[in-house]
Amino acid sequence: MDGMPSQPYDITIKSIFSDITDDMMAYFMNINIDKAEELNIEFTHVERRDSDMIYKCIVEDSNVAVHLEFQSGNDKKMPYRMLRYALEIIEKYSLPVYQAVIIYG
């Protein structure tokens, strides 16, 4: 069902399992929760960014994506941006990603 929204299913599943969240965390993640607080986060992060340089390369007889990002200063949130970029590259090209940030300022 690619391309079809899964929201009605998500809402139903969340409703079904909302009373046993702690048990599910313990079972699936092997962690015992003392206290759990739901965080209401809507993943609406929409951002149009062009990466600086991404190339498909052969490294040790395997195809990989090499991503170089240039920054004029130190951005404390850059690791998160790089993670988002890596996920986008993996999703689109199904390649392992090598990344580097080059700070020139």
N, C-alpha and C. Protein backbone atom coordinates (compact mmCIF):
# COMPACT_ATOMS: atom_id res chain seq x y z
N MET A 1 0.82 -1.18 0.00
CA MET A 1 0.00 0.00 0.00
C MET A 1 0.87 1.25 0.00
N ASP A 2 1.93 1.23 -0.79
CA ASP A 2 2.81 2.38 -0.88
C ASP A 2 2.04 3.61 -1.33
N GLY A 3 2.38 4.73 -0.72
CA GLY A 3 1.76 5.98 -1.13
C GLY A 3 0.42 6.26 -0.47
N MET A 4 -0.17 5.26 0.17
CA MET A 4 -1.46 5.48 0.80
C MET A 4 -1.25 5.87 2.25
N PRO A 5 -2.02 6.82 2.75
CA PRO A 5 -1.85 7.23 4.14
C PRO A 5 -2.23 6.10 5.10
N SER A 6 -1.45 5.96 6.16
CA SER A 6 -1.72 4.91 7.13
C SER A 6 -2.32 5.47 8.41
N GLN A 7 -2.67 6.73 8.42
CA GLN A 7 -3.13 7.39 9.63
C GLN A 7 -4.32 6.69 10.30
N PRO A 8 -5.38 6.28 9.58
CA PRO A 8 -6.48 5.59 10.28
C PRO A 8 -6.01 4.34 10.99
N TYR A 9 -5.11 3.58 10.38
CA TYR A 9 -4.57 2.39 11.02
C TYR A 9 -3.72 2.76 12.23
N ASP A 10 -2.91 3.81 12.10
CA ASP A 10 -2.07 4.26 13.21
C ASP A 10 -2.92 4.65 14.41
N ILE A 11 -4.00 5.38 14.17
CA ILE A 11 -4.88 5.81 15.25
C ILE A 11 -5.51 4.60 15.93
N THR A 12 -5.96 3.64 15.15
CA THR A 12 -6.58 2.43 15.70
C THR A 12 -5.59 1.63 16.53
N ILE A 13 -4.40 1.41 16.00
CA ILE A 13 -3.37 0.65 16.73
C ILE A 13 -3.00 1.37 18.02
N LYS A 14 -2.82 2.67 17.96
CA LYS A 14 -2.47 3.44 19.15
C LYS A 14 -3.56 3.31 20.20
N SER A 15 -4.81 3.37 19.78
CA SER A 15 -5.94 3.25 20.71
C SER A 15 -5.97 1.86 21.36
N ILE A 16 -5.74 0.84 20.56
CA ILE A 16 -5.79 -0.54 21.06
C ILE A 16 -4.72 -0.77 22.13
N PHE A 17 -3.52 -0.27 21.88
CA PHE A 17 -2.39 -0.58 22.75
C PHE A 17 -2.06 0.49 23.78
N SER A 18 -2.84 1.57 23.85
CA SER A 18 -2.50 2.68 24.75
C SER A 18 -2.47 2.29 26.22
N ASP A 19 -3.27 1.31 26.62
CA ASP A 19 -3.32 0.91 28.03
C ASP A 19 -2.19 -0.02 28.44
N ILE A 20 -1.47 -0.57 27.48
CA ILE A 20 -0.40 -1.51 27.82
C ILE A 20 0.96 -1.05 27.29
N THR A 21 1.12 0.26 27.18
CA THR A 21 2.36 0.82 26.64
C THR A 21 3.58 0.37 27.42
N ASP A 22 3.52 0.43 28.76
CA ASP A 22 4.67 0.03 29.58
C ASP A 22 5.02 -1.44 29.34
N ASP A 23 4.00 -2.30 29.26
CA ASP A 23 4.24 -3.72 29.02
C ASP A 23 4.87 -3.94 27.64
N MET A 24 4.40 -3.18 26.65
CA MET A 24 4.96 -3.33 25.31
C MET A 24 6.43 -2.90 25.28
N MET A 25 6.74 -1.80 25.96
CA MET A 25 8.13 -1.36 26.02
C MET A 25 9.01 -2.41 26.69
N ALA A 26 8.51 -2.97 27.77
CA ALA A 26 9.26 -4.00 28.48
C ALA A 26 9.47 -5.23 27.59
N TYR A 27 8.44 -5.64 26.87
CA TYR A 27 8.54 -6.83 26.04
C TYR A 27 9.40 -6.62 24.80
N PHE A 28 9.09 -5.59 24.03
CA PHE A 28 9.77 -5.40 22.75
C PHE A 28 11.15 -4.77 22.88
N MET A 29 11.35 -3.95 23.91
CA MET A 29 12.61 -3.22 24.02
C MET A 29 13.46 -3.68 25.20
N ASN A 30 12.91 -4.59 25.99
CA ASN A 30 13.61 -5.13 27.15
C ASN A 30 14.03 -4.02 28.12
N ILE A 31 13.13 -3.06 28.35
CA ILE A 31 13.37 -2.02 29.33
C ILE A 31 12.17 -1.93 30.26
N ASN A 32 12.43 -1.73 31.52
CA ASN A 32 11.37 -1.58 32.50
C ASN A 32 11.18 -0.10 32.77
N ILE A 33 9.98 0.38 32.59
CA ILE A 33 9.66 1.80 32.70
C ILE A 33 9.16 2.11 34.10
N ASP A 34 9.77 3.11 34.73
CA ASP A 34 9.26 3.59 36.00
C ASP A 34 8.14 4.59 35.77
N LYS A 35 8.32 5.43 34.78
CA LYS A 35 7.32 6.43 34.46
C LYS A 35 7.43 6.72 32.96
N ALA A 36 6.29 6.82 32.29
CA ALA A 36 6.28 7.15 30.87
C ALA A 36 5.35 8.32 30.64
N GLU A 37 5.83 9.26 29.86
CA GLU A 37 5.03 10.42 29.51
C GLU A 37 5.01 10.53 27.99
N GLU A 38 3.82 10.52 27.44
CA GLU A 38 3.71 10.60 25.99
C GLU A 38 4.14 11.97 25.50
N LEU A 39 4.94 11.96 24.48
CA LEU A 39 5.36 13.20 23.84
C LEU A 39 4.54 13.36 22.58
N ASN A 40 3.87 14.46 22.46
CA ASN A 40 3.04 14.71 21.30
C ASN A 40 3.88 15.39 20.23
N ILE A 41 4.38 14.60 19.33
CA ILE A 41 5.21 15.12 18.25
C ILE A 41 4.58 14.74 16.93
N GLU A 42 4.30 15.74 16.14
CA GLU A 42 3.86 15.49 14.78
C GLU A 42 5.07 15.69 13.89
N PHE A 43 5.42 14.68 13.15
CA PHE A 43 6.59 14.75 12.31
C PHE A 43 6.26 15.53 11.04
N THR A 44 6.23 16.83 11.21
CA THR A 44 5.86 17.72 10.10
C THR A 44 7.06 18.47 9.58
N HIS A 45 8.24 18.01 9.93
CA HIS A 45 9.46 18.71 9.51
C HIS A 45 9.58 18.63 8.00
N VAL A 46 9.21 19.70 7.36
CA VAL A 46 9.32 19.78 5.92
C VAL A 46 10.32 20.87 5.61
N GLU A 47 11.30 20.50 4.86
CA GLU A 47 12.38 21.43 4.62
C GLU A 47 12.95 21.16 3.24
N ARG A 48 13.14 22.21 2.50
CA ARG A 48 13.75 22.08 1.18
C ARG A 48 15.20 22.48 1.32
N ARG A 49 16.07 21.52 1.21
CA ARG A 49 17.51 21.79 1.29
C ARG A 49 18.18 21.01 0.18
N ASP A 50 19.13 21.65 -0.43
CA ASP A 50 19.95 20.96 -1.41
C ASP A 50 21.26 20.61 -0.73
N SER A 51 21.66 19.36 -0.90
CA SER A 51 22.93 18.95 -0.32
C SER A 51 24.05 19.56 -1.15
N ASP A 52 25.22 19.66 -0.55
CA ASP A 52 26.34 20.26 -1.24
C ASP A 52 26.92 19.31 -2.30
N MET A 53 27.34 18.15 -1.86
CA MET A 53 27.93 17.20 -2.81
C MET A 53 27.57 15.77 -2.40
N ILE A 54 26.93 15.05 -3.29
CA ILE A 54 26.66 13.63 -3.07
C ILE A 54 27.04 12.89 -4.34
N TYR A 55 27.84 11.86 -4.18
CA TYR A 55 28.28 11.07 -5.32
C TYR A 55 28.10 9.59 -5.06
N LYS A 56 27.75 8.86 -6.08
CA LYS A 56 27.76 7.41 -6.01
C LYS A 56 29.18 6.98 -6.37
N CYS A 57 29.80 6.23 -5.48
CA CYS A 57 31.20 5.84 -5.67
C CYS A 57 31.35 4.34 -5.47
N ILE A 58 32.42 3.81 -5.96
CA ILE A 58 32.79 2.42 -5.68
C ILE A 58 33.92 2.45 -4.67
N VAL A 59 33.70 1.81 -3.54
CA VAL A 59 34.69 1.72 -2.48
C VAL A 59 34.85 0.25 -2.14
N GLU A 60 36.06 -0.27 -2.30
CA GLU A 60 36.34 -1.68 -2.02
C GLU A 60 35.32 -2.58 -2.73
N ASP A 61 35.12 -2.34 -4.01
CA ASP A 61 34.23 -3.13 -4.87
C ASP A 61 32.75 -3.04 -4.51
N SER A 62 32.35 -2.03 -3.74
CA SER A 62 30.94 -1.86 -3.39
C SER A 62 30.50 -0.44 -3.73
N ASN A 63 29.26 -0.31 -4.16
CA ASN A 63 28.69 1.01 -4.40
C ASN A 63 28.33 1.66 -3.07
N VAL A 64 28.70 2.92 -2.93
CA VAL A 64 28.37 3.70 -1.73
C VAL A 64 28.01 5.11 -2.16
N ALA A 65 27.36 5.84 -1.29
CA ALA A 65 27.11 7.26 -1.50
C ALA A 65 28.09 8.03 -0.61
N VAL A 66 28.74 9.01 -1.19
CA VAL A 66 29.65 9.87 -0.43
C VAL A 66 29.04 11.26 -0.41
N HIS A 67 28.84 11.78 0.79
CA HIS A 67 28.16 13.06 0.97
C HIS A 67 29.09 14.01 1.70
N LEU A 68 29.40 15.12 1.08
CA LEU A 68 30.19 16.17 1.71
C LEU A 68 29.31 17.40 1.88
N GLU A 69 29.32 17.93 3.08
CA GLU A 69 28.50 19.10 3.39
C GLU A 69 29.43 20.19 3.89
N PHE A 70 29.27 21.41 3.37
CA PHE A 70 30.12 22.53 3.73
C PHE A 70 29.36 23.49 4.63
N GLN A 71 30.01 23.93 5.70
CA GLN A 71 29.40 24.85 6.65
C GLN A 71 30.34 26.01 6.90
N SER A 72 29.78 27.21 7.00
CA SER A 72 30.59 28.39 7.25
C SER A 72 30.86 28.57 8.74
N GLY A 73 30.20 27.81 9.59
CA GLY A 73 30.41 27.90 11.03
C GLY A 73 29.95 26.63 11.71
N ASN A 74 30.19 26.55 12.99
CA ASN A 74 29.83 25.37 13.75
C ASN A 74 28.34 25.42 14.09
N ASP A 75 27.58 24.46 13.62
CA ASP A 75 26.14 24.35 13.88
C ASP A 75 25.93 23.16 14.80
N LYS A 76 25.48 23.41 16.02
CA LYS A 76 25.31 22.33 17.00
C LYS A 76 24.27 21.31 16.58
N LYS A 77 23.39 21.69 15.67
CA LYS A 77 22.36 20.75 15.20
C LYS A 77 22.77 20.02 13.93
N MET A 78 23.98 20.24 13.48
CA MET A 78 24.44 19.62 12.24
C MET A 78 24.38 18.09 12.28
N PRO A 79 24.70 17.44 13.40
CA PRO A 79 24.59 15.97 13.40
C PRO A 79 23.18 15.48 13.07
N TYR A 80 22.18 16.23 13.53
CA TYR A 80 20.79 15.84 13.24
C TYR A 80 20.47 16.04 11.76
N ARG A 81 20.94 17.14 11.21
CA ARG A 81 20.72 17.37 9.77
C ARG A 81 21.41 16.29 8.95
N MET A 82 22.64 15.93 9.35
CA MET A 82 23.37 14.91 8.60
C MET A 82 22.65 13.56 8.69
N LEU A 83 22.08 13.27 9.84
CA LEU A 83 21.31 12.03 9.98
C LEU A 83 20.11 12.04 9.05
N ARG A 84 19.40 13.18 8.99
CA ARG A 84 18.25 13.27 8.07
C ARG A 84 18.71 13.10 6.63
N TYR A 85 19.83 13.75 6.28
CA TYR A 85 20.34 13.60 4.91
C TYR A 85 20.68 12.15 4.62
N ALA A 86 21.35 11.49 5.57
CA ALA A 86 21.73 10.09 5.36
C ALA A 86 20.50 9.22 5.15
N LEU A 87 19.48 9.44 5.95
CA LEU A 87 18.25 8.66 5.79
C LEU A 87 17.61 8.88 4.44
N GLU A 88 17.60 10.13 3.98
CA GLU A 88 17.04 10.43 2.66
C GLU A 88 17.84 9.72 1.55
N ILE A 89 19.15 9.75 1.67
CA ILE A 89 20.01 9.11 0.66
C ILE A 89 19.77 7.60 0.66
N ILE A 90 19.74 7.00 1.83
CA ILE A 90 19.52 5.55 1.93
C ILE A 90 18.15 5.19 1.37
N GLU A 91 17.14 5.98 1.72
CA GLU A 91 15.79 5.70 1.24
C GLU A 91 15.69 5.79 -0.28
N LYS A 92 16.34 6.80 -0.84
CA LYS A 92 16.22 7.03 -2.28
C LYS A 92 17.11 6.10 -3.11
N TYR A 93 18.33 5.85 -2.63
CA TYR A 93 19.30 5.12 -3.45
C TYR A 93 19.69 3.74 -2.91
N SER A 94 19.27 3.39 -1.72
CA SER A 94 19.60 2.11 -1.09
C SER A 94 21.11 1.85 -1.08
N LEU A 95 21.85 2.87 -0.71
CA LEU A 95 23.31 2.76 -0.64
C LEU A 95 23.79 3.10 0.76
N PRO A 96 24.85 2.45 1.23
CA PRO A 96 25.46 2.92 2.47
C PRO A 96 26.04 4.30 2.24
N VAL A 97 26.10 5.10 3.31
CA VAL A 97 26.48 6.50 3.17
C VAL A 97 27.74 6.80 3.99
N TYR A 98 28.68 7.43 3.33
CA TYR A 98 29.85 8.00 4.00
C TYR A 98 29.63 9.51 3.99
N GLN A 99 29.77 10.14 5.17
CA GLN A 99 29.50 11.57 5.25
C GLN A 99 30.62 12.31 5.96
N ALA A 100 30.79 13.56 5.56
CA ALA A 100 31.72 14.45 6.25
C ALA A 100 31.18 15.87 6.17
N VAL A 101 31.39 16.62 7.26
CA VAL A 101 31.08 18.04 7.28
C VAL A 101 32.40 18.79 7.29
N ILE A 102 32.52 19.73 6.38
CA ILE A 102 33.72 20.55 6.27
C ILE A 102 33.36 21.95 6.70
N ILE A 103 33.93 22.38 7.82
CA ILE A 103 33.66 23.72 8.36
C ILE A 103 34.77 24.62 7.92
N TYR A 104 34.42 25.69 7.20
CA TYR A 104 35.44 26.56 6.62
C TYR A 104 35.43 27.97 7.21
N GLY A 105 34.67 28.20 8.25
CA GLY A 105 34.57 29.56 8.79
C GLY A 105 35.14 29.68 10.17
